[in-house]
Amino acid sequence: MRADRWQTTILLFAAIACSLSGCGRASNAPKLHAVSGILTVSGQPAPNIIVHFVPAKGRPSTGVTDAKGAFELKYEKDILGVVPGDHKVWIEYRPGTPAEEMAMREGKSSLAKEVLEALQKFGTPETSSMTVKIDGPKKDLKVEL
């Protein structure tokens, strides 16, 4: 009798733990398409740029460019992808070091003139006129500014 109670208790705790962690629950994430590509400014790779894809409906996706301008968009921290549809695209600079951040705040940035101009033109959702339609996975999307 004691063994049955012990097994029942273990099963009950396992069921509670599973329900709290989401076991067996369907994901609430919408259909997503994997999107990655290269961001260039005047034909040159642009490192340390946050790329924002903002759909008409739903949550935006973002990615950060590496030294070669490559990025991969994420819907959430651990979920890659972009919701299908038309997206407004805007960018922002992400300083690589505290010194770069301080220089940017003081107006003494060492960013190329073309990058600063691109940030001015595409640096907010309000100023950016760039749109991209996502209707399927894209592995080599070229964002040229």
Protein backbone atom coordinates (compact mmCIF):
# COMPACT_ATOMS: atom_id res chain seq x y z
CA MET A 1 0.00 0.00 0.00
CA ARG A 2 2.83 2.40 0.87
CA ALA A 3 4.56 1.73 -2.47
CA ASP A 4 1.36 2.61 -4.34
CA ARG A 5 1.09 5.93 -2.52
CA TRP A 6 4.74 6.70 -3.26
CA GLN A 7 4.29 5.93 -6.98
CA THR A 8 1.13 8.02 -7.11
CA THR A 9 2.94 10.93 -5.47
CA ILE A 10 5.82 10.68 -7.95
CA LEU A 11 3.43 10.55 -10.91
CA LEU A 12 1.51 13.54 -9.57
CA PHE A 13 4.69 15.62 -9.20
CA ALA A 14 5.83 14.54 -12.68
CA ALA A 15 2.49 15.61 -14.17
CA ILE A 16 2.65 18.99 -12.42
CA ALA A 17 6.25 19.56 -13.54
CA CYS A 18 5.37 18.61 -17.11
CA SER A 19 2.36 20.94 -17.22
CA LEU A 20 4.40 23.85 -15.83
CA SER A 21 7.21 23.33 -18.34
CA GLY A 22 4.89 23.09 -21.33
CA CYS A 23 5.17 19.36 -22.07
CA GLY A 24 2.67 18.33 -24.67
CA ARG A 25 1.53 21.89 -25.24
CA ALA A 26 1.35 23.20 -28.81
CA SER A 27 3.58 26.16 -29.56
CA ASN A 28 1.91 29.55 -29.76
CA ALA A 29 4.51 30.78 -32.26
CA PRO A 30 3.09 31.61 -35.71
CA LYS A 31 4.44 30.12 -38.91
CA LEU A 32 7.97 31.46 -39.40
CA HIS A 33 10.41 31.54 -42.32
CA ALA A 34 14.17 31.30 -41.76
CA VAL A 35 15.86 34.47 -43.04
CA SER A 36 19.57 35.22 -43.19
CA GLY A 37 21.67 37.42 -45.41
CA ILE A 38 24.26 40.15 -45.78
CA LEU A 39 23.90 43.85 -45.00
CA THR A 40 26.14 46.22 -46.96
CA VAL A 41 26.52 49.98 -47.06
CA SER A 42 27.90 51.36 -50.33
CA GLY A 43 28.89 47.81 -51.25
CA GLN A 44 30.90 47.19 -48.06
CA PRO A 45 29.88 44.80 -45.23
CA ALA A 46 28.49 46.66 -42.22
CA PRO A 47 29.40 45.03 -38.88
CA ASN A 48 27.64 45.62 -35.55
CA ILE A 49 24.33 46.67 -37.09
CA ILE A 50 21.04 45.51 -35.61
CA VAL A 51 18.62 44.74 -38.43
CA HIS A 52 14.91 45.01 -37.55
CA PHE A 53 12.15 43.41 -39.65
CA VAL A 54 8.77 44.76 -38.51
CA PRO A 55 5.65 43.13 -39.99
CA ALA A 56 2.31 44.87 -40.43
CA LYS A 57 0.90 42.37 -37.90
CA GLY A 58 2.79 40.38 -35.33
CA ARG A 59 6.10 40.51 -33.55
CA PRO A 60 9.24 41.89 -35.21
CA SER A 61 12.38 39.85 -35.80
CA THR A 62 15.94 41.11 -35.36
CA GLY A 63 19.49 40.09 -36.12
CA VAL A 64 22.99 41.52 -35.61
CA THR A 65 25.56 41.70 -38.38
CA ASP A 66 28.98 40.15 -37.89
CA ALA A 67 32.31 41.43 -39.27
CA LYS A 68 31.28 40.29 -42.78
CA GLY A 69 27.84 41.92 -42.57
CA ALA A 70 26.11 38.54 -42.19
CA PHE A 71 22.97 38.29 -40.07
CA GLU A 72 20.32 35.74 -39.11
CA LEU A 73 16.93 36.96 -37.95
CA LYS A 74 15.38 35.79 -34.69
CA TYR A 75 11.72 35.94 -33.72
CA GLU A 76 12.59 35.40 -30.07
CA LYS A 77 15.86 34.80 -28.26
CA ASP A 78 15.92 31.09 -29.07
CA ILE A 79 13.53 31.00 -32.05
CA LEU A 80 14.85 31.76 -35.52
CA GLY A 81 12.60 33.18 -38.21
CA VAL A 82 10.33 35.90 -39.50
CA VAL A 83 6.55 35.96 -39.88
CA PRO A 84 5.45 35.92 -43.53
CA GLY A 85 4.38 39.17 -45.19
CA ASP A 86 5.63 42.68 -45.84
CA HIS A 87 8.15 44.09 -43.37
CA LYS A 88 9.48 47.55 -42.71
CA VAL A 89 13.24 47.26 -42.32
CA TRP A 90 15.25 49.62 -40.13
CA ILE A 91 18.70 49.51 -38.59
CA GLU A 92 20.62 50.70 -35.58
CA TYR A 93 24.29 50.64 -34.66
CA ARG A 94 25.45 48.37 -31.86
CA PRO A 95 28.87 49.49 -30.58
CA GLY A 96 31.33 46.62 -30.25
CA THR A 97 33.13 48.09 -27.23
CA PRO A 98 32.40 50.57 -24.43
CA ALA A 99 34.88 53.00 -26.07
CA GLU A 100 32.90 52.87 -29.34
CA GLU A 101 29.69 53.49 -27.41
CA MET A 102 31.19 56.51 -25.63
CA ALA A 103 32.54 57.92 -28.89
CA MET A 104 29.10 57.55 -30.49
CA ARG A 105 27.44 59.39 -27.60
CA GLU A 106 30.00 62.19 -27.82
CA GLY A 107 29.56 62.54 -31.58
CA LYS A 108 33.12 61.32 -32.22
CA SER A 109 32.27 58.03 -33.91
CA SER A 110 34.84 56.38 -36.15
CA LEU A 111 32.08 54.94 -38.34
CA ALA A 112 32.45 55.55 -42.05
CA LYS A 113 30.54 58.52 -43.42
CA GLU A 114 28.37 56.17 -45.52
CA VAL A 115 27.37 54.14 -42.47
CA LEU A 116 26.43 57.30 -40.55
CA GLU A 117 24.33 58.43 -43.52
CA ALA A 118 22.62 55.02 -43.72
CA LEU A 119 21.85 55.22 -39.99
CA GLN A 120 20.32 58.65 -40.52
CA LYS A 121 18.20 57.46 -43.44
CA PHE A 122 17.21 54.00 -42.14
CA GLY A 123 17.83 54.40 -38.40
CA THR A 124 14.24 54.50 -37.15
CA PRO A 125 10.97 52.91 -38.22
CA GLU A 126 9.72 56.41 -39.06
CA THR A 127 12.63 57.43 -41.32
CA SER A 128 13.20 54.11 -43.08
CA SER A 129 11.42 53.63 -46.38
CA MET A 130 12.79 50.12 -46.94
CA THR A 131 10.35 47.23 -47.11
CA VAL A 132 10.95 43.55 -47.79
CA LYS A 133 8.37 40.88 -48.56
CA ILE A 134 8.98 37.53 -46.86
CA ASP A 135 7.01 34.76 -48.55
CA GLY A 136 9.35 31.85 -47.82
CA PRO A 137 12.76 31.00 -46.38
CA LYS A 138 15.63 33.22 -47.56
CA LYS A 139 19.24 32.19 -47.00
CA ASP A 140 20.96 34.89 -49.04
CA LEU A 141 18.90 38.04 -48.60
CA LYS A 142 20.89 41.10 -49.64
CA VAL A 143 20.12 44.30 -47.75
CA GLU A 144 21.99 47.03 -49.58
CA LEU A 145 22.00 50.55 -48.15
